[in-house]
């Protein structure tokens, strides 16, 4: 399998991602086993810091993914796994 077709899955505790491919392929945040059960849960768990252009998604246990350079409007369900 070449790098282009290989999906990257991230399990998080604290994760800073600077090269997340919003709207593209290959990058997936895996929230399986967290308090986030579907993409519908993501907006309520998200905070956007405009001064650093970063979306921070935090689950109930304090696991956080910092998507640097990503605004909330760039997120879609294909970027996440929940099971």
PDB file of N, CA and C in Angstrom:
ATOM      1  N   UNK A   1       0.842  -1.167   0.000  1.00  0.00           N
ATOM      2  CA  UNK A   1       0.000   0.000   0.000  1.00  0.00           C
ATOM      3  C   UNK A   1       0.894   1.240   0.000  1.00  0.00           C
ATOM      4  N   UNK A   2       0.660   2.140  -0.925  1.00  0.00           N
ATOM      5  CA  UNK A   2       1.496   3.336  -0.986  1.00  0.00           C
ATOM      6  C   UNK A   2       0.994   4.396   0.001  1.00  0.00           C
ATOM      7  N   UNK A   3       1.796   5.402   0.249  1.00  0.00           N
ATOM      8  CA  UNK A   3       1.479   6.435   1.212  1.00  0.00           C
ATOM      9  C   UNK A   3       0.207   7.197   0.859  1.00  0.00           C
ATOM     10  N   UNK A   4      -0.059   7.386  -0.415  1.00  0.00           N
ATOM     11  CA  UNK A   4      -1.225   8.145  -0.838  1.00  0.00           C
ATOM     12  C   UNK A   4      -2.536   7.471  -0.436  1.00  0.00           C
ATOM     13  N   UNK A   5      -2.569   6.153  -0.434  1.00  0.00           N
ATOM     14  CA  UNK A   5      -3.812   5.455  -0.142  1.00  0.00           C
ATOM     15  C   UNK A   5      -3.890   4.974   1.299  1.00  0.00           C
ATOM     16  N   UNK A   6      -2.868   5.234   2.076  1.00  0.00           N
ATOM     17  CA  UNK A   6      -2.838   4.782   3.458  1.00  0.00           C
ATOM     18  C   UNK A   6      -3.565   5.796   4.350  1.00  0.00           C
ATOM     19  N   UNK A   7      -4.563   5.326   5.092  1.00  0.00           N
ATOM     20  CA  UNK A   7      -5.322   6.178   5.986  1.00  0.00           C
ATOM     21  C   UNK A   7      -4.573   6.323   7.298  1.00  0.00           C
ATOM     22  N   UNK A   8      -4.474   7.541   7.804  1.00  0.00           N
ATOM     23  CA  UNK A   8      -3.842   7.764   9.097  1.00  0.00           C
ATOM     24  C   UNK A   8      -4.933   7.857  10.149  1.00  0.00           C
ATOM     25  N   UNK A   9      -4.882   7.009  11.154  1.00  0.00           N
ATOM     26  CA  UNK A   9      -5.819   7.022  12.267  1.00  0.00           C
ATOM     27  C   UNK A   9      -5.098   7.522  13.503  1.00  0.00           C
ATOM     28  N   UNK A  10      -5.729   8.423  14.223  1.00  0.00           N
ATOM     29  CA  UNK A  10      -5.148   8.960  15.441  1.00  0.00           C
ATOM     30  C   UNK A  10      -6.023   8.579  16.632  1.00  0.00           C
ATOM     31  N   UNK A  11      -5.444   7.966  17.638  1.00  0.00           N
ATOM     32  CA  UNK A  11      -6.103   7.790  18.936  1.00  0.00           C
ATOM     33  C   UNK A  11      -5.515   8.870  19.813  1.00  0.00           C
ATOM     34  N   UNK A  12      -6.361   9.529  20.571  1.00  0.00           N
ATOM     35  CA  UNK A  12      -5.861  10.735  21.218  1.00  0.00           C
ATOM     36  C   UNK A  12      -5.829  10.672  22.736  1.00  0.00           C
ATOM     37  N   UNK A  13      -4.999  11.415  23.335  1.00  0.00           N
ATOM     38  CA  UNK A  13      -5.033  11.903  24.706  1.00  0.00           C
ATOM     39  C   UNK A  13      -4.848  13.407  24.573  1.00  0.00           C
ATOM     40  N   UNK A  14      -3.693  13.823  24.109  1.00  0.00           N
ATOM     41  CA  UNK A  14      -3.468  15.201  23.673  1.00  0.00           C
ATOM     42  C   UNK A  14      -2.762  15.103  22.340  1.00  0.00           C
ATOM     43  N   UNK A  15      -3.330  15.688  21.343  1.00  0.00           N
ATOM     44  CA  UNK A  15      -2.782  15.551  20.003  1.00  0.00           C
ATOM     45  C   UNK A  15      -2.813  16.897  19.303  1.00  0.00           C
ATOM     46  N   UNK A  16      -1.652  17.358  18.860  1.00  0.00           N
ATOM     47  CA  UNK A  16      -1.563  18.564  18.048  1.00  0.00           C
ATOM     48  C   UNK A  16      -1.297  18.139  16.616  1.00  0.00           C
ATOM     49  N   UNK A  17      -2.175  18.532  15.716  1.00  0.00           N
ATOM     50  CA  UNK A  17      -2.028  18.136  14.324  1.00  0.00           C
ATOM     51  C   UNK A  17      -1.875  19.384  13.474  1.00  0.00           C
ATOM     52  N   UNK A  18      -0.719  19.520  12.822  1.00  0.00           N
ATOM     53  CA  UNK A  18      -0.470  20.678  11.980  1.00  0.00           C
ATOM     54  C   UNK A  18      -0.708  20.395  10.511  1.00  0.00           C
ATOM     55  N   UNK A  19      -0.744  19.134  10.129  1.00  0.00           N
ATOM     56  CA  UNK A  19      -0.888  18.828   8.709  1.00  0.00           C
ATOM     57  C   UNK A  19      -2.138  18.007   8.423  1.00  0.00           C
ATOM     58  N   UNK A  20      -3.187  18.213   9.225  1.00  0.00           N
ATOM     59  CA  UNK A  20      -4.438  17.495   9.009  1.00  0.00           C
ATOM     60  C   UNK A  20      -5.011  17.915   7.665  1.00  0.00           C
ATOM     61  N   UNK A  21      -5.376  16.959   6.852  1.00  0.00           N
ATOM     62  CA  UNK A  21      -5.829  17.202   5.490  1.00  0.00           C
ATOM     63  C   UNK A  21      -7.335  17.406   5.471  1.00  0.00           C
ATOM     64  N   UNK A  22      -7.792  18.566   5.913  1.00  0.00           N
ATOM     65  CA  UNK A  22      -9.222  18.859   5.955  1.00  0.00           C
ATOM     66  C   UNK A  22      -9.822  18.817   4.555  1.00  0.00           C
ATOM     67  N   UNK A  23     -10.885  18.062   4.420  1.00  0.00           N
ATOM     68  CA  UNK A  23     -11.562  17.958   3.136  1.00  0.00           C
ATOM     69  C   UNK A  23     -10.872  17.038   2.159  1.00  0.00           C
ATOM     70  N   UNK A  24      -9.779  16.470   2.541  1.00  0.00           N
ATOM     71  CA  UNK A  24      -9.048  15.578   1.654  1.00  0.00           C
ATOM     72  C   UNK A  24      -9.179  14.135   2.096  1.00  0.00           C
ATOM     73  N   UNK A  25      -8.179  13.367   1.781  1.00  0.00           N
ATOM     74  CA  UNK A  25      -8.195  11.963   2.149  1.00  0.00           C
ATOM     75  C   UNK A  25      -7.028  11.657   3.071  1.00  0.00           C
ATOM     76  N   UNK A  26      -7.029  10.477   3.623  1.00  0.00           N
ATOM     77  CA  UNK A  26      -5.920   9.918   4.393  1.00  0.00           C
ATOM     78  C   UNK A  26      -5.872  10.319   5.862  1.00  0.00           C
ATOM     79  N   UNK A  27      -6.509  11.376   6.302  1.00  0.00           N
ATOM     80  CA  UNK A  27      -6.439  11.775   7.700  1.00  0.00           C
ATOM     81  C   UNK A  27      -7.780  11.542   8.388  1.00  0.00           C
ATOM     82  N   UNK A  28      -7.746  10.792   9.487  1.00  0.00           N
ATOM     83  CA  UNK A  28      -8.958  10.448  10.227  1.00  0.00           C
ATOM     84  C   UNK A  28      -8.645  10.521  11.716  1.00  0.00           C
ATOM     85  N   UNK A  29      -9.490  11.203  12.475  1.00  0.00           N
ATOM     86  CA  UNK A  29      -9.393  11.196  13.923  1.00  0.00           C
ATOM     87  C   UNK A  29     -10.327  10.120  14.440  1.00  0.00           C
ATOM     88  N   UNK A  30      -9.811   9.224  15.258  1.00  0.00           N
ATOM     89  CA  UNK A  30     -10.596   8.110  15.777  1.00  0.00           C
ATOM     90  C   UNK A  30     -11.005   8.415  17.220  1.00  0.00           C
ATOM     91  N   UNK A  31     -12.283   8.638  17.424  1.00  0.00           N
ATOM     92  CA  UNK A  31     -12.818   8.930  18.754  1.00  0.00           C
ATOM     93  C   UNK A  31     -13.496   7.717  19.375  1.00  0.00           C
ATOM     94  N   UNK A  32     -13.216   6.514  18.893  1.00  0.00           N
ATOM     95  CA  UNK A  32     -13.788   5.295  19.464  1.00  0.00           C
ATOM     96  C   UNK A  32     -13.430   5.208  20.944  1.00  0.00           C
ATOM     97  N   UNK A  33     -14.391   4.842  21.767  1.00  0.00           N
ATOM     98  CA  UNK A  33     -14.143   4.696  23.192  1.00  0.00           C
ATOM     99  C   UNK A  33     -14.142   6.003  23.960  1.00  0.00           C
ATOM    100  N   UNK A  34     -14.560   7.093  23.333  1.00  0.00           N
ATOM    101  CA  UNK A  34     -14.631   8.392  24.003  1.00  0.00           C
ATOM    102  C   UNK A  34     -16.096   8.771  24.187  1.00  0.00           C
ATOM    103  N   UNK A  35     -16.325   9.933  24.736  1.00  0.00           N
ATOM    104  CA  UNK A  35     -17.690  10.432  24.920  1.00  0.00           C
ATOM    105  C   UNK A  35     -18.297  10.968  23.629  1.00  0.00           C
ATOM    106  N   UNK A  36     -17.513  11.033  22.573  1.00  0.00           N
ATOM    107  CA  UNK A  36     -18.018  11.482  21.266  1.00  0.00           C
ATOM    108  C   UNK A  36     -18.438  10.251  20.470  1.00  0.00           C
ATOM    109  N   UNK A  37     -19.722  10.160  20.141  1.00  0.00           N
ATOM    110  CA  UNK A  37     -20.258   8.956  19.512  1.00  0.00           C
ATOM    111  C   UNK A  37     -20.647   9.145  18.046  1.00  0.00           C
ATOM    112  N   UNK A  38     -20.713  10.388  17.609  1.00  0.00           N
ATOM    113  CA  UNK A  38     -21.034  10.660  16.208  1.00  0.00           C
ATOM    114  C   UNK A  38     -20.551  12.059  15.853  1.00  0.00           C
ATOM    115  N   UNK A  39     -20.578  12.366  14.572  1.00  0.00           N
ATOM    116  CA  UNK A  39     -20.142  13.692  14.130  1.00  0.00           C
ATOM    117  C   UNK A  39     -21.026  14.781  14.734  1.00  0.00           C
ATOM    118  N   UNK A  40     -22.266  14.444  15.043  1.00  0.00           N
ATOM    119  CA  UNK A  40     -23.169  15.418  15.668  1.00  0.00           C
ATOM    120  C   UNK A  40     -22.656  15.883  17.032  1.00  0.00           C
ATOM    121  N   UNK A  41     -21.828  15.087  17.692  1.00  0.00           N
ATOM    122  CA  UNK A  41     -21.256  15.461  18.988  1.00  0.00           C
ATOM    123  C   UNK A  41     -20.076  16.417  18.868  1.00  0.00           C
ATOM    124  N   UNK A  42     -19.480  16.505  17.708  1.00  0.00           N
ATOM    125  CA  UNK A  42     -18.246  17.282  17.528  1.00  0.00           C
ATOM    126  C   UNK A  42     -18.436  18.781  17.744  1.00  0.00           C
ATOM    127  N   UNK A  43     -19.469  19.427  17.202  1.00  0.00           N
ATOM    128  CA  UNK A  43     -19.584  20.877  17.416  1.00  0.00           C
ATOM    129  C   UNK A  43     -19.657  21.286  18.889  1.00  0.00           C
ATOM    130  N   UNK A  44     -20.393  20.541  19.694  1.00  0.00           N
ATOM    131  CA  UNK A  44     -20.513  20.880  21.115  1.00  0.00           C
ATOM    132  C   UNK A  44     -19.202  20.651  21.860  1.00  0.00           C
ATOM    133  N   UNK A  45     -18.357  19.773  21.348  1.00  0.00           N
ATOM    134  CA  UNK A  45     -17.078  19.456  21.992  1.00  0.00           C
ATOM    135  C   UNK A  45     -15.940  20.291  21.423  1.00  0.00           C
ATOM    136  N   UNK A  46     -16.256  21.195  20.515  1.00  0.00           N
ATOM    137  CA  UNK A  46     -15.222  21.969  19.822  1.00  0.00           C
ATOM    138  C   UNK A  46     -15.149  23.401  20.322  1.00  0.00           C
ATOM    139  N   UNK A  47     -13.948  23.914  20.247  1.00  0.00           N
ATOM    140  CA  UNK A  47     -13.677  25.322  20.528  1.00  0.00           C
ATOM    141  C   UNK A  47     -12.762  25.817  19.421  1.00  0.00           C
ATOM    142  N   UNK A  48     -13.056  26.980  18.876  1.00  0.00           N
ATOM    143  CA  UNK A  48     -12.201  27.546  17.831  1.00  0.00           C
ATOM    144  C   UNK A  48     -11.478  28.762  18.378  1.00  0.00           C
ATOM    145  N   UNK A  49     -10.162  28.755  18.269  1.00  0.00           N
ATOM    146  CA  UNK A  49      -9.335  29.884  18.654  1.00  0.00           C
ATOM    147  C   UNK A  49      -8.886  30.597  17.382  1.00  0.00           C
ATOM    148  N   UNK A  50      -9.544  31.696  17.075  1.00  0.00           N
ATOM    149  CA  UNK A  50      -9.256  32.418  15.831  1.00  0.00           C
ATOM    150  C   UNK A  50      -7.849  32.995  15.806  1.00  0.00           C
ATOM    151  N   UNK A  51      -7.342  33.426  16.953  1.00  0.00           N
ATOM    152  CA  UNK A  51      -6.010  34.050  16.955  1.00  0.00           C
ATOM    153  C   UNK A  51      -4.902  33.069  16.603  1.00  0.00           C
ATOM    154  N   UNK A  52      -5.127  31.766  16.809  1.00  0.00           N
ATOM    155  CA  UNK A  52      -4.134  30.768  16.388  1.00  0.00           C
ATOM    156  C   UNK A  52      -4.697  29.845  15.305  1.00  0.00           C
ATOM    157  N   UNK A  53      -5.882  30.188  14.776  1.00  0.00           N
ATOM    158  CA  UNK A  53      -6.537  29.427  13.709  1.00  0.00           C
ATOM    159  C   UNK A  53      -6.510  27.924  14.009  1.00  0.00           C
ATOM    160  N   UNK A  54      -7.075  27.553  15.158  1.00  0.00           N
ATOM    161  CA  UNK A  54      -7.030  26.170  15.620  1.00  0.00           C
ATOM    162  C   UNK A  54      -8.383  25.744  16.165  1.00  0.00           C
ATOM    163  N   UNK A  55      -8.855  24.592  15.723  1.00  0.00           N
ATOM    164  CA  UNK A  55     -10.047  23.981  16.301  1.00  0.00           C
ATOM    165  C   UNK A  55      -9.592  22.945  17.313  1.00  0.00           C
ATOM    166  N   UNK A  56     -10.120  23.048  18.520  1.00  0.00           N
ATOM    167  CA  UNK A  56      -9.768  22.129  19.600  1.00  0.00           C
ATOM    168  C   UNK A  56     -11.006  21.308  19.930  1.00  0.00           C
ATOM    169  N   UNK A  57     -10.884  19.998  19.803  1.00  0.00           N
ATOM    170  CA  UNK A  57     -11.996  19.089  20.102  1.00  0.00           C
ATOM    171  C   UNK A  57     -11.614  18.326  21.366  1.00  0.00           C
ATOM    172  N   UNK A  58     -12.460  18.417  22.391  1.00  0.00           N
ATOM    173  CA  UNK A  58     -12.159  17.795  23.681  1.00  0.00           C
ATOM    174  C   UNK A  58     -13.319  16.913  24.118  1.00  0.00           C
ATOM    175  N   UNK A  59     -13.021  15.674  24.499  1.00  0.00           N
ATOM    176  CA  UNK A  59     -14.078  14.785  24.987  1.00  0.00           C
ATOM    177  C   UNK A  59     -14.242  14.957  26.494  1.00  0.00           C
ATOM    178  N   UNK A  60     -15.210  14.254  27.072  1.00  0.00           N
ATOM    179  CA  UNK A  60     -15.528  14.403  28.494  1.00  0.00           C
ATOM    180  C   UNK A  60     -14.378  14.010  29.412  1.00  0.00           C
ATOM    181  N   UNK A  61     -13.484  13.142  28.971  1.00  0.00           N
ATOM    182  CA  UNK A  61     -12.344  12.707  29.779  1.00  0.00           C
ATOM    183  C   UNK A  61     -11.150  13.643  29.672  1.00  0.00           C
ATOM    184  N   UNK A  62     -11.270  14.677  28.849  1.00  0.00           N
ATOM    185  CA  UNK A  62     -10.172  15.620  28.691  1.00  0.00           C
ATOM    186  C   UNK A  62      -9.227  15.313  27.551  1.00  0.00           C
ATOM    187  N   UNK A  63      -9.515  14.275  26.761  1.00  0.00           N
ATOM    188  CA  UNK A  63      -8.723  14.017  25.557  1.00  0.00           C
ATOM    189  C   UNK A  63      -8.958  15.179  24.595  1.00  0.00           C
ATOM    190  N   UNK A  64      -7.900  15.696  24.017  1.00  0.00           N
ATOM    191  CA  UNK A  64      -8.041  16.859  23.148  1.00  0.00           C
ATOM    192  C   UNK A  64      -7.235  16.702  21.870  1.00  0.00           C
ATOM    193  N   UNK A  65      -7.866  17.060  20.774  1.00  0.00           N
ATOM    194  CA  UNK A  65      -7.176  17.119  19.478  1.00  0.00           C
ATOM    195  C   UNK A  65      -7.167  18.577  19.043  1.00  0.00           C
ATOM    196  N   UNK A  66      -5.980  19.114  18.844  1.00  0.00           N
ATOM    197  CA  UNK A  66      -5.815  20.483  18.360  1.00  0.00           C
ATOM    198  C   UNK A  66      -5.536  20.409  16.869  1.00  0.00           C
ATOM    199  N   UNK A  67      -6.471  20.878  16.077  1.00  0.00           N
ATOM    200  CA  UNK A  67      -6.312  20.865  14.623  1.00  0.00           C
ATOM    201  C   UNK A  67      -5.843  22.251  14.191  1.00  0.00           C
ATOM    202  N   UNK A  68      -4.554  22.395  14.091  1.00  0.00           N
ATOM    203  CA  UNK A  68      -3.923  23.677  13.804  1.00  0.00           C
ATOM    204  C   UNK A  68      -4.119  24.022  12.331  1.00  0.00           C
ATOM    205  N   UNK A  69      -4.622  25.227  12.101  1.00  0.00           N
ATOM    206  CA  UNK A  69      -4.877  25.676  10.734  1.00  0.00           C
ATOM    207  C   UNK A  69      -6.218  25.223  10.187  1.00  0.00           C
ATOM    208  N   UNK A  70      -7.068  24.663  11.061  1.00  0.00           N
ATOM    209  CA  UNK A  70      -8.371  24.148  10.636  1.00  0.00           C
ATOM    210  C   UNK A  70      -9.476  24.905  11.364  1.00  0.00           C
ATOM    211  N   UNK A  71     -10.391  25.482  10.595  1.00  0.00           N
ATOM    212  CA  UNK A  71     -11.566  26.138  11.144  1.00  0.00           C
ATOM    213  C   UNK A  71     -12.713  25.130  11.231  1.00  0.00           C
ATOM    214  N   UNK A  72     -13.659  25.318  12.143  1.00  0.00           N
ATOM    215  CA  UNK A  72     -14.761  24.361  12.293  1.00  0.00           C
ATOM    216  C   UNK A  72     -15.529  24.086  10.993  1.00  0.00           C
ATOM    217  N   UNK A  73     -15.673  25.087  10.159  1.00  0.00           N
ATOM    218  CA  UNK A  73     -16.393  24.919   8.895  1.00  0.00           C
ATOM    219  C   UNK A  73     -15.709  23.986   7.915  1.00  0.00           C
ATOM    220  N   UNK A  74     -14.450  23.670   8.154  1.00  0.00           N
ATOM    221  CA  UNK A  74     -13.718  22.762   7.287  1.00  0.00           C
ATOM    222  C   UNK A  74     -13.906  21.301   7.675  1.00  0.00           C
ATOM    223  N   UNK A  75     -14.501  21.043   8.826  1.00  0.00           N
ATOM    224  CA  UNK A  75     -14.675  19.674   9.311  1.00  0.00           C
ATOM    225  C   UNK A  75     -15.901  19.024   8.679  1.00  0.00           C
ATOM    226  N   UNK A  76     -15.794  17.731   8.391  1.00  0.00           N
ATOM    227  CA  UNK A  76     -16.958  16.957   7.964  1.00  0.00           C
ATOM    228  C   UNK A  76     -16.847  15.537   8.505  1.00  0.00           C
ATOM    229  N   UNK A  77     -17.944  14.820   8.460  1.00  0.00           N
ATOM    230  CA  UNK A  77     -18.030  13.484   9.084  1.00  0.00           C
ATOM    231  C   UNK A  77     -16.998  12.504   8.572  1.00  0.00           C
ATOM    232  N   UNK A  78     -16.544  12.662   7.339  1.00  0.00           N
ATOM    233  CA  UNK A  78     -15.583  11.699   6.774  1.00  0.00           C
ATOM    234  C   UNK A  78     -14.223  11.761   7.455  1.00  0.00           C
ATOM    235  N   UNK A  79     -13.979  12.793   8.245  1.00  0.00           N
ATOM    236  CA  UNK A  79     -12.688  12.970   8.911  1.00  0.00           C
ATOM    237  C   UNK A  79     -12.623  12.275  10.268  1.00  0.00           C
ATOM    238  N   UNK A  80     -13.712  11.617  10.677  1.00  0.00           N
ATOM    239  CA  UNK A  80     -13.789  11.048  12.026  1.00  0.00           C
ATOM    240  C   UNK A  80     -14.270   9.619  11.999  1.00  0.00           C
ATOM    241  N   UNK A  81     -13.844   8.840  12.989  1.00  0.00           N
ATOM    242  CA  UNK A  81     -14.361   7.500  13.265  1.00  0.00           C
ATOM    243  C   UNK A  81     -14.807   7.501  14.720  1.00  0.00           C
ATOM    244  N   UNK A  82     -15.886   6.801  14.997  1.00  0.00           N
ATOM    245  CA  UNK A  82     -16.444   6.789  16.348  1.00  0.00           C
ATOM    246  C   UNK A  82     -16.618   5.377  16.900  1.00  0.00           C
ATOM    247  N   UNK A  83     -16.259   4.379  16.134  1.00  0.00           N
ATOM    248  CA  UNK A  83     -16.365   2.996  16.621  1.00  0.00           C
ATOM    249  C   UNK A  83     -15.219   2.168  16.088  1.00  0.00           C
TER     250      UNK A  83
END
